[in-house]
Amino acid sequence: MLCGRWMSCRRRPEEPPLPAQVVTPVALAPPDGGSRRPGLRALKKMGLTEDEDVRAMLRGSRLCKIRSRTWHKERLYRLQEDGLSVWFQRRIPRAPSQHICEPGRTGAVREGHQSEGLRRFGGAFPPARCLTIAFKGRRKNLDLAAATAEEAQCWVRGLAKLRARLDAMSQRERLDHWIHAYLHRADSDQDSKMSFKEIKSLLRMVNVDMNDMYAYRLFKECDHSNNERLEGAEIEEFLRRLLKRPELEEIFHRYSGEDRVLSAPELLEFLEDQGEDGVMLAHAQKLIHTYELNETAKQHDLMTLDGFMMYLLSPEGAALDPAHTCVFQDMDQPLPHYFISSSHNTYLTDSQIGGLSSTEAYVRAFAQGCRCVELDCWEGPGGEPIIYHGHTLTSKILFRDVIQTVRDHAFTLSPYPVILSLENHCGLEQQAVMARHLRTILGDALVTEALGAQTPEELPSPEQLKGRVLVKGKKLPAAWSEDGRILSDQEEEEEEEEGEAEAAEQRRRAKQISPELSALVVYCCATRLRTLHPNPVPPQPCQVSSLNERKAKKLIREAGNSFVRHNARQLTRVYPLGLRMNSANYSPQEMWNSGCQLVALNFQTPGYEMDLNAGRFLVNGQCGYILKPACLRQPDTTFDPECPGPPRTTLTIQVLTAQQLPKLNTEKPNSIVDPLVRVEIHGVPADCARKETNYVLNNGFNPRWGQTLQFQLRAPELVLVRFVVEDYDTTSPNDFVGQFTLPLNSLKQGYRHIHLLSKDGASLSPATLFVHIRVQRF
């Protein structure tokens, strides 16, 4: 029904009216193998049904899976018709198919012998026939060899196309794909008709335990043919009812009035109420032309409920400020003025006692934006230095292989400088070999001399060091003032107190530094931090102190402001205690509060600590460098994280609803999550807090809360906000469902969607939280 302003637009008779406000229609198609099958329809919506590479993947290929020199198994790999997953079939007759990957969740697809596994075990297969599928999180790579080079290229290109198309999909398209997959699974007899039993199965699959009477009433209201089966348009109507968002409709109607369409001025009013700064009518019109689905409405600068939902589910409607997703900060300040994403024991894929060491761990760290990696260097056989966790059962990798990995992958995601933190246990000869590998493999990327003055008063900026690699290590004392004491990270970790005999031993060992390797330490000389010097002592910008977490916390407690001032001038690296045998992490927030730049974590260990690290470096283009707040950059700052002053900001978050939360126990159809939402504040100690909603019983599909959580903040510029969804349990700890962490300064106000992530940082799309955010500064 059209009235009021819409009539005043004088719609021409041939123009179709606006459709009802519904989600994108989805329906099951006949099981005749035609193009209307759900999977092919999904691929058609992706625009890939005619792509030759994708069609070849749908037919399948016999690829050889390579695990070791002797373990080579042929499998039939085939892309499923949903375009979302790849399955394989063993050669054993009647062996069940197994799901292996989703193109949207792969980290990368590499051609040739570009993985550690293929370099070691793929010699029997020409590089042109090989490919590697790398996964996000801790899952091992999948190394494959095809029968021909063209077949390998087909999979490399096809997977890249699928991933690019999936990454470009809107949230509504993702929801369409998501519901297609469940419809296909719920249609047990594949007749493209849904009985009430199949509808109940569908509801359980999508994480909602609906009352049988209510579900049947909804089913019968859509069963217009009255044959106890839903098909075609009846399924679409059922889905429309199921996927309704009453909370969005209420907001939309509040601004649109009786005619149920938003004009550009009304949308502008909504944007202003959202707290969008400096928005103009032209911006509202642009949003209409970007997100409105109905061409007639678009021509008249009007937005329907569908377009409004598309906007709120887009990156522009998300909690993360889209302007902060690219590099937006000043990158011309000295290195100590930035938080720098840093890894500890980077070579490990598991625990530091018996875990696997791998060059792939460096690839994954770089893919997560890491800019400072650690290399534990030990004497190796054949004159070649090796890397592993010394005196443990961790496996060993070659130093030169790690440096080659740095060369090939360090600047894939970020162009800003990489720091190699060397923990050196090698003798003079193999140190010289290390220096030779660094020079020959890295070439011009390696910083071998100061950019300007030989004794700089401050370190260069990330911008000046773009594409360059810095070595952090011990330096021969002759190049430094007498009080510049040389010590490696490992030595410092083992020493709590140092006597005169130990001081003499230190000086003796310092003489065992290879001149060739020492010459490569230009801006990052590893130095012991014994005391925090008062201001009159001139800063030593090229000296980098390494502290374990215990010593760093002691300095924060006992000399908070002095430590902050020290970190305004020089780099400090903090690393986990050696007692963390399982490679657990400490919270990095306390170290950031005091301005420590290189807060090193075990990237291979998921948990809230790595969530905080990912949230801290989520912004500024995920380049691995975040400009510290002004209070941590000023050499005469009075800031002390232990005494931050009175509250300056109030953060109010109203948790409204969630959508399509993942099902945790897929093996038990009747297991439905009971979700609750917790909002955590991570900042200076006085700001740290957590508050949570009540739980909603048996509904992970569209739970509603409408609860308000409020926080008073004293140092908002350091705050990270972490949204966590858990499955409530009365008898055991709650199960993790999803989370999203971001800096408070990148949090948009108003009605926003939070796009949830898994434990390993992968997208849980289409799972979202819908919240209202208000930030009051005073």
Foldseek 3Di string as FASTA:
>chain_A
DFDDPVVVVVDDPVDDDDDDDFADFDAADAPPPDCRHLLNVLVVVLVCNPPPLLVVQQVWAFKWWADAQPRTATWTWHQDSNLFWIWIHHPPPPGDIDTDGGLQFWLAKAFFQPFPRCVHRVPVAGRLQWMWTHGFFLDDITIIGGPDSVNSVSVRVSSVSSNVSVVPDFLSSLVNSVLSVLLCVLVPVRRRKAALSSVCLSCLQLFFNDDSVVSVVLLVVLPPVPPRIAHDVSVRVSVRVVPDDVVLQVVQCVQCPPRQKHALVSQVVQCVVQVDPPDDSVVSLVLCCVQADRPVCNVRRIHHSRSVVSCCRGPVNFQFFPVFQAADDDQFDFPLQKFFAAADLQQFLWFQAATEGGLVSVLNCLSLQHQEYEFEWEQDPPLFIWGGNPPHNYDIDTLLVNLLSCQVRNPPQAQFHHEYQYQDDYFQSSLLVNLVSNCPRNPPQQDQAAPDDRQDLAHGTRVVNGSHYAYAAAAQCVVDDPPFFADHQVVQLVDDDADPVNVVVSNVVSVRRHNSNNSSHRQHHEGDCPDLDDDVPRARASYEYEEEPVVLVVCLVPPQQSLLLNSLGYAYAYHYRPVPRRQDFDACQSVVQSSHRHDHGHLSDFDVNVLQSSQEQSTSNSNRIDRRPPLSNDNPHPARLQPLDFFFKKKKKFFFKKASFHQDDSVDSNDHFFKKKKKFKRHRPVQTDIDIFDTHPRGPHIDTTRDMDMGTDRCLSSIKIKIWMWRDDPPDDTHGGWMHIHRPVRTRAAWHKHFTADRSGHTPPPIITIMGMDMDGD
